[in-house]
Amino acid sequence: MLGEQLRQRAAQQIDRRAQGRAAVSDTIAAVLAPLARPVVAGLVALLVYLIRARLGHGGWDPTRYAYFNWLADAFLHGQLHLRVELPETRDLITHDGRLYLYWPPFPAILLMPIVALFGVEASDVLYTAILGAGTAALVAWLLVLLDRHGVAPLDPPRRALLTLAMAFGSVQLILAPVGTVWFTAQLIGWGCVLLAAIAAFGTRGPLGYFLVGLALACAAGTRNALIFNGVWIAFYLLRRDWWQPPPWRVRAIAAGLAPVVVAVALLGWYNAARFGGPLETGLLWHNMSVAFADNFARHGIFSLHYLPTNLRYQFLAYTVFSEERWRGGGIFWMTPVLLGAFGGLWRWRRDGLTWALLVGAILVYIPIGLLLGSGYLTFGPRYLLDLMVPLLILTARGIRRWPLPLLLVLLAISCLTYAYGSALWLDLTYAVR
């Protein structure tokens, strides 16, 4: 009899603990779930980015590296070179006595209405913060579509958690409140790839293909290598629609390719009109930092010589508390929620989309890995934002069954890491003002 009573008490204690854990999980889920909504996620991100930007040196005033403002101004006046000599020419190109940007021109095209309304002194800090908040909303939207179509089934709390990880536990927290030509371009490129993915999963028919192609064309017009995200998107679309009659598929593929072909042609014309050749971007003449001059003279812009260093500072090194923190840092150490991508690779290893996502990410990374510099003067591996969409999808596929408390701990590590880095950036913003 005594033994039976002890067993019953033990069972009751186990039940109470289980109920306690379930209550904690339910509370976490209830708090997180609203943040899975795109509008809520975007507004929360905007509030945080604007407050953080206001705390920086110069507040919401434009930085001295708002180069896209000046290029938009040049376009509005019918020319490709900047109209005036700027006081700061770091990373600009001087060719035949004229100043140019080596960055592709889509961000400047996007900003033309803003510059037309507010002039070249429009705040790159403000519009970059708004763009960053927009990408947070797009992440939430993409995760909704991935769940709806069974590509990466996730409940609202886990979708919210991933959205928060991207907005506040990744390098986006560093980029969005600061402005500058470098960070603005990265966020616009990231947003374009998110839009391409949303179009692929959210719009059917030739119109969906066209919207995907248009978004990828804009992405390539921002950061050229982003076009390789088209590999995994094309695989998904063609597999999904393979049952359609051949004429339908031909029309859809043509609709998707048309914007990309036009964009590539325009980029070739843009380069040829400035520097005499469709593949010449002007990097040979750009005013780079003296820190890179020696390596550039020896190895050029792209070389296998840079690959070991880039791999180290983007995937392997934990730099958070070292003097190397401004050279990047291992993405999985700094945003450990993304370790779920390995779970996604394993769980969905028999699905061709898994390997298409991996191949697409590798292709995007190749020019990053071979590039002179790993993302200098940035807390976190900012260049890896270019391959974040396939990494995000793999992560969403991998964390479906991970306990919410564990994911919350990983999110906390991510957010605290980047909050620390953002606080350190407060002392560095003088460098861009």
Protein backbone atom coordinates (compact mmCIF):
# COMPACT_ATOMS: atom_id res chain seq x y z
CA MET A 1 0.00 0.00 0.00
CA LEU A 2 2.77 2.45 0.93
CA GLY A 3 4.61 1.73 -2.32
CA GLU A 4 1.47 2.39 -4.34
CA GLN A 5 0.95 5.74 -2.57
CA LEU A 6 4.54 6.76 -3.29
CA ARG A 7 4.10 5.86 -6.94
CA GLN A 8 0.92 7.91 -7.15
CA ARG A 9 2.60 10.93 -5.52
CA ALA A 10 5.54 10.66 -7.93
CA ALA A 11 3.15 10.45 -10.86
CA GLN A 12 1.28 13.51 -9.60
CA GLN A 13 4.52 15.46 -9.25
CA ILE A 14 5.51 14.52 -12.80
CA ASP A 15 2.08 15.61 -14.04
CA ARG A 16 2.36 18.95 -12.21
CA ARG A 17 5.82 19.56 -13.70
CA ALA A 18 4.54 18.69 -17.15
CA GLN A 19 1.60 21.02 -16.68
CA GLY A 20 3.98 23.74 -15.48
CA ARG A 21 6.18 23.34 -18.53
CA ALA A 22 3.12 23.37 -20.78
CA ALA A 23 1.87 26.54 -19.07
CA VAL A 24 5.25 28.23 -19.63
CA SER A 25 5.26 27.21 -23.28
CA ASP A 26 1.68 28.44 -23.71
CA THR A 27 2.62 31.80 -22.15
CA ILE A 28 5.64 32.16 -24.43
CA ALA A 29 3.50 31.26 -27.43
CA ALA A 30 0.82 33.80 -26.50
CA VAL A 31 3.39 36.58 -26.16
CA LEU A 32 5.21 35.74 -29.39
CA ALA A 33 2.28 34.98 -31.69
CA PRO A 34 1.26 38.60 -32.50
CA LEU A 35 4.79 39.29 -33.76
CA ALA A 36 4.26 36.72 -36.51
CA ARG A 37 1.99 39.24 -38.23
CA PRO A 38 3.87 41.23 -40.88
CA VAL A 39 2.40 44.61 -39.91
CA VAL A 40 3.16 44.15 -36.22
CA ALA A 41 6.69 42.90 -36.93
CA GLY A 42 7.39 45.84 -39.24
CA LEU A 43 6.09 48.46 -36.80
CA VAL A 44 8.03 47.03 -33.86
CA ALA A 45 11.21 46.92 -35.95
CA LEU A 46 10.66 50.49 -37.15
CA LEU A 47 10.24 51.76 -33.59
CA VAL A 48 13.43 50.04 -32.42
CA TYR A 49 15.47 51.17 -35.43
CA LEU A 50 14.34 54.77 -35.18
CA ILE A 51 15.11 54.95 -31.46
CA ARG A 52 18.51 53.36 -32.02
CA ALA A 53 19.26 55.73 -34.90
CA ARG A 54 18.33 58.73 -32.80
CA LEU A 55 20.85 57.68 -30.15
CA GLY A 56 23.71 57.64 -32.65
CA HIS A 57 26.12 60.47 -33.37
CA GLY A 58 24.19 62.90 -35.54
CA GLY A 59 20.81 61.32 -34.82
CA TRP A 60 18.58 61.21 -37.89
CA ASP A 61 20.74 63.60 -39.92
CA PRO A 62 22.15 62.22 -43.19
CA THR A 63 25.60 60.65 -43.17
CA ARG A 64 28.47 61.81 -45.35
CA TYR A 65 28.26 58.50 -47.21
CA ALA A 66 24.73 58.93 -48.57
CA TYR A 67 26.15 58.45 -52.06
CA PHE A 68 22.94 57.06 -53.53
CA ASN A 69 21.33 60.46 -52.91
CA TRP A 70 23.91 62.07 -55.18
CA LEU A 71 23.57 59.38 -57.84
CA ALA A 72 19.78 59.76 -57.79
CA ASP A 73 20.33 63.51 -58.21
CA ALA A 74 22.59 62.81 -61.20
CA PHE A 75 19.94 60.58 -62.80
CA LEU A 76 17.30 63.25 -62.24
CA HIS A 77 19.55 65.63 -64.20
CA GLY A 78 20.15 63.18 -67.04
CA GLN A 79 23.72 62.12 -66.30
CA LEU A 80 25.60 59.12 -64.92
CA HIS A 81 28.37 60.90 -62.99
CA LEU A 82 27.89 62.94 -59.83
CA ARG A 83 27.16 66.61 -60.48
CA VAL A 84 29.38 68.02 -57.74
CA GLU A 85 32.68 67.19 -56.06
CA LEU A 86 31.87 65.65 -52.68
CA PRO A 87 33.93 66.44 -49.57
CA GLU A 88 34.23 62.68 -48.93
CA THR A 89 35.22 60.35 -51.79
CA ARG A 90 35.94 57.08 -50.00
CA ASP A 91 35.07 54.13 -52.28
CA LEU A 92 34.00 56.46 -55.09
CA ILE A 93 35.51 56.18 -58.57
CA THR A 94 37.42 58.97 -60.25
CA HIS A 95 37.55 58.40 -64.01
CA ASP A 96 38.30 61.00 -66.67
CA GLY A 97 37.92 63.71 -64.06
CA ARG A 98 34.43 62.59 -63.05
CA LEU A 99 33.05 60.91 -59.94
CA TYR A 100 31.06 57.67 -60.19
CA LEU A 101 29.74 54.94 -57.91
CA TYR A 102 30.84 51.35 -58.46
CA TRP A 103 27.71 50.01 -56.76
CA PRO A 104 24.93 48.95 -59.16
CA PRO A 105 22.34 51.71 -59.61
CA PHE A 106 18.99 50.27 -58.52
CA PRO A 107 19.06 51.82 -55.01
CA ALA A 108 19.57 55.25 -56.56
CA ILE A 109 16.68 54.63 -58.97
CA LEU A 110 14.49 53.61 -56.03
CA LEU A 111 15.47 56.79 -54.17
CA MET A 112 14.86 59.19 -57.07
CA PRO A 113 11.36 60.21 -55.86
CA ILE A 114 12.72 60.89 -52.35
CA VAL A 115 15.59 62.99 -53.69
CA ALA A 116 13.22 64.80 -56.06
CA LEU A 117 11.04 65.75 -53.06
CA PHE A 118 13.63 66.41 -50.35
CA GLY A 119 16.88 67.00 -52.23
CA VAL A 120 20.28 65.36 -51.78
CA GLU A 121 20.16 66.04 -48.04
CA ALA A 122 17.39 63.47 -47.57
CA SER A 123 18.30 61.41 -44.52
CA ASP A 124 19.79 58.07 -45.47
CA VAL A 125 19.51 57.15 -41.78
CA LEU A 126 15.72 57.52 -41.86
CA TYR A 127 15.04 55.82 -45.16
CA THR A 128 17.42 52.97 -44.35
CA ALA A 129 15.66 52.41 -41.02
CA ILE A 130 12.32 52.33 -42.85
CA LEU A 131 13.69 49.90 -45.41
CA GLY A 132 15.03 47.70 -42.62
CA ALA A 133 11.63 47.65 -40.91
CA GLY A 134 10.07 46.75 -44.24
CA THR A 135 12.32 43.71 -44.55
CA ALA A 136 11.26 42.56 -41.06
CA ALA A 137 7.64 42.64 -42.27
CA LEU A 138 8.65 40.76 -45.44
CA VAL A 139 10.32 38.03 -43.36
CA ALA A 140 7.09 37.54 -41.41
CA TRP A 141 5.10 37.49 -44.66
CA LEU A 142 7.43 34.93 -46.24
CA LEU A 143 7.19 32.65 -43.21
CA VAL A 144 3.38 32.78 -43.40
CA LEU A 145 3.53 31.67 -47.05
CA LEU A 146 6.06 28.91 -46.33
CA ASP A 147 3.72 27.54 -43.67
CA ARG A 148 0.61 27.90 -45.83
CA HIS A 149 2.11 25.95 -48.73
CA GLY A 150 3.79 23.29 -46.61
CA VAL A 151 7.31 24.29 -47.64
CA ALA A 152 8.32 25.03 -44.04
CA PRO A 153 5.38 24.37 -41.69
CA LEU A 154 5.72 26.51 -38.57
CA ASP A 155 3.26 27.71 -35.95
CA PRO A 156 2.92 31.48 -35.24
CA PRO A 157 5.22 31.53 -32.15
CA ARG A 158 8.09 29.95 -34.05
CA ARG A 159 7.49 32.21 -37.04
CA ALA A 160 7.56 35.20 -34.69
CA LEU A 161 10.75 33.96 -33.11
CA LEU A 162 12.49 33.68 -36.49
CA THR A 163 11.26 37.13 -37.48
CA LEU A 164 12.66 38.59 -34.27
CA ALA A 165 15.95 36.79 -34.86
CA MET A 166 16.28 38.40 -38.28
CA ALA A 167 15.24 41.88 -37.11
CA PHE A 168 17.12 42.10 -33.80
CA GLY A 169 19.39 39.05 -33.58
CA SER A 170 21.25 39.41 -36.85
CA VAL A 171 23.48 41.94 -38.57
CA GLN A 172 20.32 43.77 -39.65
CA LEU A 173 20.22 45.43 -36.21
CA ILE A 174 23.61 46.96 -37.03
CA LEU A 175 22.79 47.99 -40.61
CA ALA A 176 19.27 49.40 -40.37
CA PRO A 177 19.76 52.34 -37.94
CA VAL A 178 23.02 53.67 -39.43
CA GLY A 179 22.45 54.54 -43.10
CA THR A 180 25.45 54.88 -45.51
CA VAL A 181 25.73 53.61 -49.07
CA TRP A 182 27.05 50.20 -47.99
CA PHE A 183 24.31 49.37 -45.52
CA THR A 184 21.49 50.83 -47.60
CA ALA A 185 22.51 48.67 -50.56
CA GLN A 186 22.63 45.53 -48.45
CA LEU A 187 19.16 46.05 -47.01
CA ILE A 188 17.64 46.86 -50.39
CA GLY A 189 19.21 43.74 -51.90
CA TRP A 190 17.95 41.59 -49.00
CA GLY A 191 14.48 43.07 -49.41
CA CYS A 192 14.44 42.36 -53.17
CA VAL A 193 15.30 38.69 -52.62
CA LEU A 194 12.58 38.45 -49.96
CA LEU A 195 10.12 39.91 -52.48
CA ALA A 196 11.23 37.39 -55.09
CA ALA A 197 10.62 34.54 -52.66
CA ILE A 198 7.23 35.96 -51.64
CA ALA A 199 6.23 36.22 -55.30
CA ALA A 200 7.31 32.62 -55.91
CA PHE A 201 5.35 31.20 -53.00
CA GLY A 202 2.43 33.62 -53.05
CA THR A 203 1.49 34.25 -56.70
CA ARG A 204 0.71 31.56 -59.25
CA GLY A 205 0.70 31.70 -63.02
CA PRO A 206 2.90 33.68 -65.43
CA LEU A 207 2.32 36.80 -63.32
CA GLY A 208 4.10 35.12 -60.41
CA TYR A 209 7.05 34.27 -62.66
CA PHE A 210 7.17 37.85 -63.90
CA LEU A 211 7.14 39.26 -60.37
CA VAL A 212 9.91 36.87 -59.36
CA GLY A 213 11.98 37.96 -62.36
CA LEU A 214 11.32 41.63 -61.63
CA ALA A 215 12.39 41.29 -57.99
CA LEU A 216 15.52 39.34 -58.95
CA ALA A 217 16.33 41.95 -61.60
CA CYS A 218 16.15 44.65 -58.92
CA ALA A 219 18.28 42.50 -56.61
CA ALA A 220 20.93 42.08 -59.32
CA GLY A 221 20.75 45.82 -59.92
CA THR A 222 21.68 46.28 -56.26
CA ARG A 223 24.23 43.52 -55.63
CA ASN A 224 25.00 41.44 -58.71
CA ALA A 225 25.53 38.05 -57.02
CA LEU A 226 22.00 38.09 -55.61
CA ILE A 227 20.81 36.87 -59.00
CA PHE A 228 21.98 33.37 -58.01
CA ASN A 229 19.03 33.18 -55.62
CA GLY A 230 17.14 32.53 -58.82
CA VAL A 231 18.55 28.97 -58.86
CA TRP A 232 16.50 27.68 -55.94
CA ILE A 233 13.47 29.80 -56.84
CA ALA A 234 13.49 28.44 -60.41
CA PHE A 235 13.73 24.88 -59.09
CA TYR A 236 10.72 25.40 -56.83
CA LEU A 237 8.59 27.02 -59.56
CA LEU A 238 9.40 24.51 -62.27
CA ARG A 239 8.84 21.53 -59.98
CA ARG A 240 5.56 22.97 -58.76
CA ASP A 241 4.27 23.71 -62.25
CA TRP A 242 5.77 20.78 -64.17
CA TRP A 243 2.28 19.34 -64.70
CA GLN A 244 1.29 22.39 -66.75
CA PRO A 245 1.22 22.02 -70.57
CA PRO A 246 4.52 22.93 -72.30
CA PRO A 247 3.16 26.14 -73.94
CA TRP A 248 2.08 27.41 -70.51
CA ARG A 249 5.52 26.69 -69.06
CA VAL A 250 7.25 28.42 -71.96
CA ARG A 251 5.13 31.55 -71.43
CA ALA A 252 5.75 31.51 -67.70
CA ILE A 253 9.52 31.05 -68.06
CA ALA A 254 9.66 33.82 -70.64
CA ALA A 255 7.73 36.10 -68.30
CA GLY A 256 10.24 35.38 -65.54
CA LEU A 257 13.33 35.77 -67.67
CA ALA A 258 12.28 38.98 -69.45
CA PRO A 259 12.95 41.39 -66.54
CA VAL A 260 16.27 39.71 -65.77
CA VAL A 261 17.44 39.91 -69.38
CA VAL A 262 16.42 43.58 -69.57
CA ALA A 263 18.22 44.32 -66.29
CA VAL A 264 21.43 42.58 -67.42
CA ALA A 265 21.33 44.50 -70.70
CA LEU A 266 20.80 47.81 -68.90
CA LEU A 267 23.63 47.10 -66.45
CA GLY A 268 25.91 46.32 -69.39
CA TRP A 269 24.91 49.59 -71.05
CA TYR A 270 25.41 51.48 -67.78
CA ASN A 271 28.95 50.15 -67.42
CA ALA A 272 29.83 50.70 -71.07
CA ALA A 273 28.53 54.27 -71.02
CA ARG A 274 30.73 55.09 -68.01
CA PHE A 275 33.86 53.02 -68.50
CA GLY A 276 33.82 51.71 -72.07
CA GLY A 277 32.90 48.05 -71.47
CA PRO A 278 29.76 46.19 -70.34
CA LEU A 279 31.67 44.21 -67.69
CA GLU A 280 33.75 47.11 -66.35
CA THR A 281 32.32 48.38 -63.06
CA GLY A 282 35.11 50.86 -62.32
CA LEU A 283 36.62 48.99 -59.39
CA LEU A 284 40.08 49.47 -60.91
CA TRP A 285 39.84 53.18 -60.18
CA HIS A 286 37.91 53.30 -56.94
CA ASN A 287 39.25 55.17 -53.94
CA MET A 288 39.56 52.24 -51.55
CA SER A 289 40.74 52.32 -47.96
CA VAL A 290 44.50 52.17 -47.54
CA ALA A 291 43.95 49.02 -45.45
CA PHE A 292 43.12 47.16 -48.69
CA ALA A 293 45.54 48.80 -51.11
CA ASP A 294 48.39 46.30 -50.71
CA ASN A 295 46.22 43.22 -51.15
CA PHE A 296 44.46 44.84 -54.10
CA ALA A 297 47.78 45.52 -55.81
CA ARG A 298 48.89 41.92 -55.29
CA HIS A 299 45.71 39.92 -55.77
CA GLY A 300 43.01 42.15 -57.24
CA ILE A 301 39.40 42.42 -56.09
CA PHE A 302 38.57 38.70 -56.30
CA SER A 303 41.04 35.95 -55.47
CA LEU A 304 41.29 32.56 -53.80
CA HIS A 305 43.87 34.24 -51.58
CA TYR A 306 41.04 35.88 -49.60
CA LEU A 307 38.92 32.75 -49.15
CA PRO A 308 40.48 31.37 -45.92
CA THR A 309 40.23 34.77 -44.21
CA ASN A 310 36.65 35.30 -45.33
CA LEU A 311 35.57 31.83 -44.24
CA ARG A 312 37.14 32.44 -40.85
CA TYR A 313 35.53 35.81 -40.19
CA GLN A 314 32.14 34.87 -41.62
CA PHE A 315 31.61 31.33 -40.32
CA LEU A 316 34.24 30.21 -37.81
CA ALA A 317 35.61 32.98 -35.59
CA TYR A 318 33.89 34.15 -32.42
CA THR A 319 34.97 37.77 -32.41
CA VAL A 320 32.35 39.39 -30.16
CA PHE A 321 34.66 40.15 -27.23
CA SER A 322 37.91 40.47 -29.18
CA GLU A 323 39.62 43.32 -31.01
CA GLU A 324 38.64 41.60 -34.28
CA ARG A 325 34.93 42.23 -33.69
CA TRP A 326 34.79 44.81 -36.52
CA ARG A 327 35.96 42.27 -39.10
CA GLY A 328 32.81 40.15 -38.82
CA GLY A 329 32.10 36.98 -36.89
CA GLY A 330 30.80 33.46 -37.30
CA ILE A 331 27.16 33.67 -38.29
CA PHE A 332 26.11 30.57 -36.34
CA TRP A 333 27.82 31.79 -33.16
CA MET A 334 26.28 35.24 -33.36
CA THR A 335 22.82 34.11 -34.54
CA PRO A 336 22.58 30.57 -33.14
CA VAL A 337 18.91 30.22 -34.13
CA LEU A 338 20.28 29.64 -37.64
CA LEU A 339 21.75 26.34 -36.47
CA GLY A 340 18.28 25.09 -37.31
CA ALA A 341 19.38 25.18 -40.96
CA PHE A 342 21.44 22.04 -40.36
CA GLY A 343 18.34 20.38 -38.96
CA GLY A 344 16.46 21.45 -42.07
CA LEU A 345 19.14 19.96 -44.31
CA TRP A 346 18.88 16.61 -42.50
CA ARG A 347 15.13 16.40 -41.99
CA TRP A 348 14.33 17.35 -45.58
CA ARG A 349 17.34 15.68 -47.17
CA ARG A 350 15.18 13.71 -49.61
CA ASP A 351 13.54 16.86 -50.93
CA GLY A 352 15.20 18.38 -53.99
CA LEU A 353 14.32 21.89 -52.83
CA THR A 354 16.65 21.42 -49.85
CA TRP A 355 19.63 20.93 -52.13
CA ALA A 356 18.50 23.69 -54.48
CA LEU A 357 18.49 26.05 -51.49
CA LEU A 358 21.98 24.90 -50.52
CA VAL A 359 23.35 25.26 -54.06
CA GLY A 360 21.79 28.71 -54.39
CA ALA A 361 23.36 29.83 -51.12
CA ILE A 362 26.78 28.49 -52.17
CA LEU A 363 26.60 30.26 -55.55
CA VAL A 364 25.71 33.55 -53.84
CA TYR A 365 28.60 33.05 -51.44
CA ILE A 366 31.30 32.38 -54.06
CA PRO A 367 31.95 36.06 -54.92
CA ILE A 368 31.65 36.94 -51.22
CA GLY A 369 34.24 34.35 -50.29
CA LEU A 370 36.63 35.51 -53.01
CA LEU A 371 36.19 39.22 -52.27
CA LEU A 372 38.83 41.54 -50.92
CA GLY A 373 37.57 42.20 -47.37
CA SER A 374 35.09 40.31 -45.21
CA GLY A 375 32.84 43.28 -44.40
CA TYR A 376 35.24 45.66 -42.72
CA LEU A 377 34.06 47.92 -39.87
CA THR A 378 30.88 46.00 -39.22
CA PHE A 379 29.81 44.02 -36.18
CA GLY A 380 28.72 40.68 -37.62
CA PRO A 381 29.07 39.04 -41.06
CA ARG A 382 27.13 41.61 -43.05
CA TYR A 383 27.90 40.16 -46.49
CA LEU A 384 26.12 36.94 -45.51
CA LEU A 385 22.83 38.84 -45.56
CA ASP A 386 22.98 38.12 -49.31
CA LEU A 387 22.34 34.41 -48.72
CA MET A 388 20.03 34.81 -45.74
CA VAL A 389 16.79 33.92 -47.55
CA PRO A 390 17.75 30.30 -48.38
CA LEU A 391 19.35 30.03 -44.94
CA LEU A 392 16.14 31.32 -43.35
CA ILE A 393 14.01 28.79 -45.23
CA LEU A 394 16.27 25.91 -44.22
CA THR A 395 16.10 27.12 -40.61
CA ALA A 396 12.31 27.31 -40.72
CA ARG A 397 12.28 23.73 -41.96
CA GLY A 398 14.61 22.59 -39.21
CA ILE A 399 13.10 24.09 -36.03
CA ARG A 400 9.52 22.88 -36.33
CA ARG A 401 9.87 20.47 -33.40
CA TRP A 402 12.44 22.36 -31.38
CA PRO A 403 11.11 23.28 -27.90
CA LEU A 404 10.02 26.88 -27.60
CA PRO A 405 12.09 27.49 -24.44
CA LEU A 406 15.23 26.33 -26.27
CA LEU A 407 14.45 28.59 -29.22
CA LEU A 408 13.82 31.47 -26.83
CA VAL A 409 17.27 30.97 -25.29
CA LEU A 410 18.87 30.97 -28.74
CA LEU A 411 16.92 34.10 -29.66
CA ALA A 412 18.07 35.79 -26.45
CA ILE A 413 21.71 34.99 -27.27
CA SER A 414 21.26 36.42 -30.76
CA CYS A 415 19.54 39.60 -29.61
CA LEU A 416 21.90 40.24 -26.70
CA THR A 417 24.91 39.71 -28.96
CA TYR A 418 23.75 42.26 -31.48
CA ALA A 419 22.44 44.67 -28.84
CA TYR A 420 25.96 44.66 -27.42
CA GLY A 421 27.40 45.26 -30.88
CA SER A 422 24.89 48.02 -31.57
CA ALA A 423 25.84 49.72 -28.31
CA LEU A 424 29.50 49.58 -29.32
CA TRP A 425 28.55 51.09 -32.66
CA LEU A 426 27.36 54.19 -30.82
CA ASP A 427 31.00 55.06 -30.34
CA LEU A 428 31.80 54.42 -34.01
CA THR A 429 29.07 56.34 -35.79
CA TYR A 430 31.33 59.41 -35.87
CA ALA A 431 33.15 57.53 -38.64
CA VAL A 432 30.19 57.89 -41.01
CA ARG A 433 29.12 61.42 -40.04
